[in-house]
N, C-alpha and C. Protein backbone atom coordinates (compact mmCIF):
# COMPACT_ATOMS: atom_id res chain seq x y z
N MET A 1 -2.91 8.54 -7.85
CA MET A 1 -2.57 7.62 -7.73
C MET A 1 -1.38 7.51 -9.22
N ASN A 2 -0.82 6.75 -9.75
CA ASN A 2 0.01 6.28 -10.66
C ASN A 2 -1.38 6.06 -11.84
N SER A 3 -0.90 6.40 -13.15
CA SER A 3 -1.82 6.17 -14.11
C SER A 3 -1.76 4.72 -14.11
N LYS A 4 -0.81 4.03 -14.43
CA LYS A 4 -0.92 2.42 -14.03
C LYS A 4 -1.71 2.26 -13.18
N LYS A 5 -2.11 0.95 -13.16
CA LYS A 5 -2.73 -0.03 -12.33
C LYS A 5 -2.21 -0.34 -11.28
N LEU A 6 -2.45 0.44 -9.78
CA LEU A 6 -1.77 -0.35 -8.91
C LEU A 6 -1.58 -0.91 -8.44
N THR A 7 -0.98 -2.01 -7.74
CA THR A 7 -1.30 -3.36 -7.42
C THR A 7 -0.88 -3.27 -6.16
N TYR A 8 -0.75 -4.47 -5.10
CA TYR A 8 -0.41 -4.66 -3.89
C TYR A 8 1.29 -4.38 -3.66
N ASN A 9 1.73 -5.34 -4.18
CA ASN A 9 3.51 -5.62 -4.79
C ASN A 9 3.77 -3.71 -5.15
N LYS A 10 3.29 -3.25 -6.08
CA LYS A 10 3.51 -2.29 -6.66
C LYS A 10 3.78 -0.75 -5.14
N ALA A 11 2.91 -0.70 -4.41
CA ALA A 11 2.53 -0.10 -3.51
C ALA A 11 3.53 -0.49 -2.36
N ILE A 12 3.94 -1.95 -1.79
CA ILE A 12 4.99 -2.22 -0.91
C ILE A 12 6.02 -2.02 -1.70
N ASP A 13 6.22 -2.00 -2.89
CA ASP A 13 7.96 -1.57 -3.15
C ASP A 13 8.25 0.22 -3.58
N GLU A 14 6.98 0.89 -3.78
CA GLU A 14 7.10 2.22 -3.69
C GLU A 14 7.18 2.79 -2.60
N LEU A 15 6.69 2.04 -1.13
CA LEU A 15 6.59 2.39 0.28
C LEU A 15 8.19 2.13 0.47
N LYS A 16 8.92 1.30 0.04
CA LYS A 16 9.91 0.81 0.82
C LYS A 16 11.08 1.62 -0.33
N THR A 17 10.74 2.18 -1.78
CA THR A 17 11.47 3.38 -1.78
C THR A 17 11.34 4.91 -1.29
N ILE A 18 10.27 5.35 -0.61
CA ILE A 18 9.99 5.98 -0.30
C ILE A 18 10.87 6.06 1.41
N ILE A 19 10.78 5.00 2.19
CA ILE A 19 11.69 5.11 3.20
C ILE A 19 13.13 5.24 3.19
N ILE A 20 13.40 4.58 2.01
CA ILE A 20 14.65 4.29 1.79
C ILE A 20 15.77 5.93 1.46
N GLU A 21 14.61 6.17 0.81
CA GLU A 21 14.72 7.79 0.02
C GLU A 21 14.75 8.90 1.33
N MET A 22 14.03 8.72 2.22
CA MET A 22 14.05 9.21 3.55
C MET A 22 14.90 8.84 4.66
N GLU A 23 15.41 7.83 4.41
CA GLU A 23 16.58 7.35 5.44
C GLU A 23 18.23 7.91 4.82
N ASN A 24 17.53 8.14 3.51
CA ASN A 24 19.11 8.19 3.01
C ASN A 24 19.61 9.65 2.72
N SER A 25 18.66 10.17 2.53
CA SER A 25 18.79 11.90 2.50
C SER A 25 17.79 13.17 3.41
N GLU A 26 18.43 13.94 3.23
CA GLU A 26 17.53 14.97 4.15
C GLU A 26 16.42 15.79 2.82
N PRO A 27 15.55 15.63 2.58
CA PRO A 27 14.65 16.01 2.02
C PRO A 27 14.55 17.57 2.26
N ASP A 28 13.78 18.17 1.55
CA ASP A 28 13.10 19.93 2.36
C ASP A 28 11.76 19.38 2.30
N VAL A 29 11.53 20.26 2.83
CA VAL A 29 10.03 20.30 3.64
C VAL A 29 9.33 20.00 2.33
N GLU A 30 9.09 20.24 1.57
CA GLU A 30 8.05 20.40 0.43
C GLU A 30 8.35 18.32 0.49
N ALA A 31 9.02 17.84 -0.02
CA ALA A 31 9.66 16.82 -0.52
C ALA A 31 9.33 15.84 0.77
N LEU A 32 9.55 15.85 1.91
CA LEU A 32 8.94 15.73 3.15
C LEU A 32 7.65 15.75 2.94
N ASN A 33 6.93 16.40 2.90
CA ASN A 33 5.46 16.35 2.57
C ASN A 33 4.51 16.13 1.41
N ASN A 34 5.59 16.30 0.73
CA ASN A 34 5.17 15.11 -0.33
C ASN A 34 5.30 13.40 -0.21
N ASN A 35 6.61 12.85 0.11
CA ASN A 35 6.65 11.89 0.83
C ASN A 35 5.28 11.39 1.77
N VAL A 36 5.13 11.71 2.71
CA VAL A 36 4.24 11.55 3.66
C VAL A 36 2.95 11.61 3.14
N LYS A 37 2.48 12.10 2.33
CA LYS A 37 1.34 12.46 1.85
C LYS A 37 1.09 11.25 0.73
N ARG A 38 2.22 10.69 0.40
CA ARG A 38 2.18 9.50 -1.00
C ARG A 38 2.39 8.22 0.12
N ALA A 39 2.99 8.11 0.80
CA ALA A 39 3.11 7.11 1.81
C ALA A 39 1.85 6.72 2.70
N VAL A 40 0.92 7.47 3.10
CA VAL A 40 -0.55 7.52 3.88
C VAL A 40 -1.45 6.85 2.50
N ASP A 41 -0.93 7.76 1.80
CA ASP A 41 -2.29 7.20 0.21
C ASP A 41 -1.91 5.40 0.42
N LEU A 42 -0.59 5.13 0.12
CA LEU A 42 -0.37 3.72 -0.50
C LEU A 42 -0.33 2.67 0.92
N ILE A 43 -0.64 3.30 2.08
CA ILE A 43 -0.79 2.53 3.57
C ILE A 43 -2.34 1.88 3.20
N LYS A 44 -2.95 3.47 3.15
CA LYS A 44 -4.21 2.91 3.03
C LYS A 44 -4.82 2.03 1.51
N PHE A 45 -4.18 2.12 0.74
CA PHE A 45 -4.35 1.19 -0.31
C PHE A 45 -4.15 0.06 -0.41
N CYS A 46 -2.50 -0.31 0.68
CA CYS A 46 -2.64 -1.81 0.74
C CYS A 46 -3.41 -2.16 2.00
N ARG A 47 -4.07 -1.46 2.80
CA ARG A 47 -5.02 -1.75 3.74
C ARG A 47 -6.31 -2.23 3.25
N SER A 48 -6.55 -1.53 2.14
CA SER A 48 -7.84 -1.74 1.72
C SER A 48 -7.73 -3.38 0.86
N GLU A 49 -6.77 -3.35 0.38
CA GLU A 49 -6.29 -4.69 -0.39
C GLU A 49 -6.35 -5.95 0.17
N LEU A 50 -5.74 -6.04 1.65
CA LEU A 50 -5.96 -7.31 2.31
C LEU A 50 -7.07 -7.02 3.19
N TYR A 51 -7.73 -6.04 3.06
CA TYR A 51 -9.25 -6.30 3.45
C TYR A 51 -9.92 -7.13 2.73
N ILE A 52 -9.94 -6.15 1.40
CA ILE A 52 -10.85 -7.25 0.46
C ILE A 52 -10.32 -8.22 0.68
N THR A 53 -8.65 -8.92 0.36
CA THR A 53 -8.50 -10.43 0.14
C THR A 53 -9.13 -11.02 1.32
N GLU A 54 -9.11 -10.37 2.74
CA GLU A 54 -9.54 -11.72 3.77
C GLU A 54 -10.91 -11.92 3.29
N GLU A 55 -11.69 -10.67 3.23
CA GLU A 55 -13.10 -10.89 2.85
C GLU A 55 -13.60 -12.24 1.70
N ASN A 56 -12.74 -11.68 0.62
CA ASN A 56 -12.93 -13.27 -0.59
C ASN A 56 -12.40 -14.28 0.45
N ILE A 57 -11.06 -14.62 0.75
CA ILE A 57 -10.93 -15.87 1.07
C ILE A 57 -12.31 -16.55 1.76
N ASN A 58 -12.29 -15.50 2.96
CA ASN A 58 -13.80 -15.95 3.92
C ASN A 58 -15.05 -16.84 3.22
N LYS A 59 -15.39 -15.81 2.44
CA LYS A 59 -16.45 -16.24 1.56
C LYS A 59 -16.45 -17.25 0.89
N ILE A 60 -14.89 -17.68 0.37
CA ILE A 60 -14.71 -18.63 -0.55
C ILE A 60 -14.59 -20.18 0.52
N LEU A 61 -14.36 -19.88 2.21
CA LEU A 61 -14.37 -20.83 2.83
C LEU A 61 -15.47 -21.21 3.41
N GLU A 62 -16.24 -20.31 3.06
CA GLU A 62 -17.78 -20.10 3.77
C GLU A 62 -18.67 -21.02 3.02
N ASP A 63 -18.24 -20.60 1.24
CA ASP A 63 -19.20 -21.35 0.45
C ASP A 63 -18.80 -22.89 0.03
N ALA A 64 -17.19 -23.21 0.59
CA ALA A 64 -16.61 -24.49 0.68
C ALA A 64 -16.98 -25.23 1.81
N ASP A 65 -17.51 -24.81 2.65
CA ASP A 65 -18.02 -25.02 3.97
C ASP A 65 -17.12 -25.57 4.87
N LEU A 66 -15.87 -25.15 4.75
CA LEU A 66 -14.75 -25.53 5.07
C LEU A 66 -14.11 -24.56 6.40
N ASN A 67 -14.98 -23.73 6.80
CA ASN A 67 -14.64 -22.96 7.82
C ASN A 67 -15.80 -23.02 9.36
């Protein structure tokens, strides 16, 4: 991933950019391969962030005895 700290919002923005690029051009095979690999990495990152957030929220609710 990038040297800057990747956040959920940055990952979503990058995914949108990849999709737009792929829709608006005919990338060569190497570019297509790289875009798909990067998109998969970003999707995995986003899923992980969502899972962690869900777990944290559930813990907060359990600790507050609201769940």
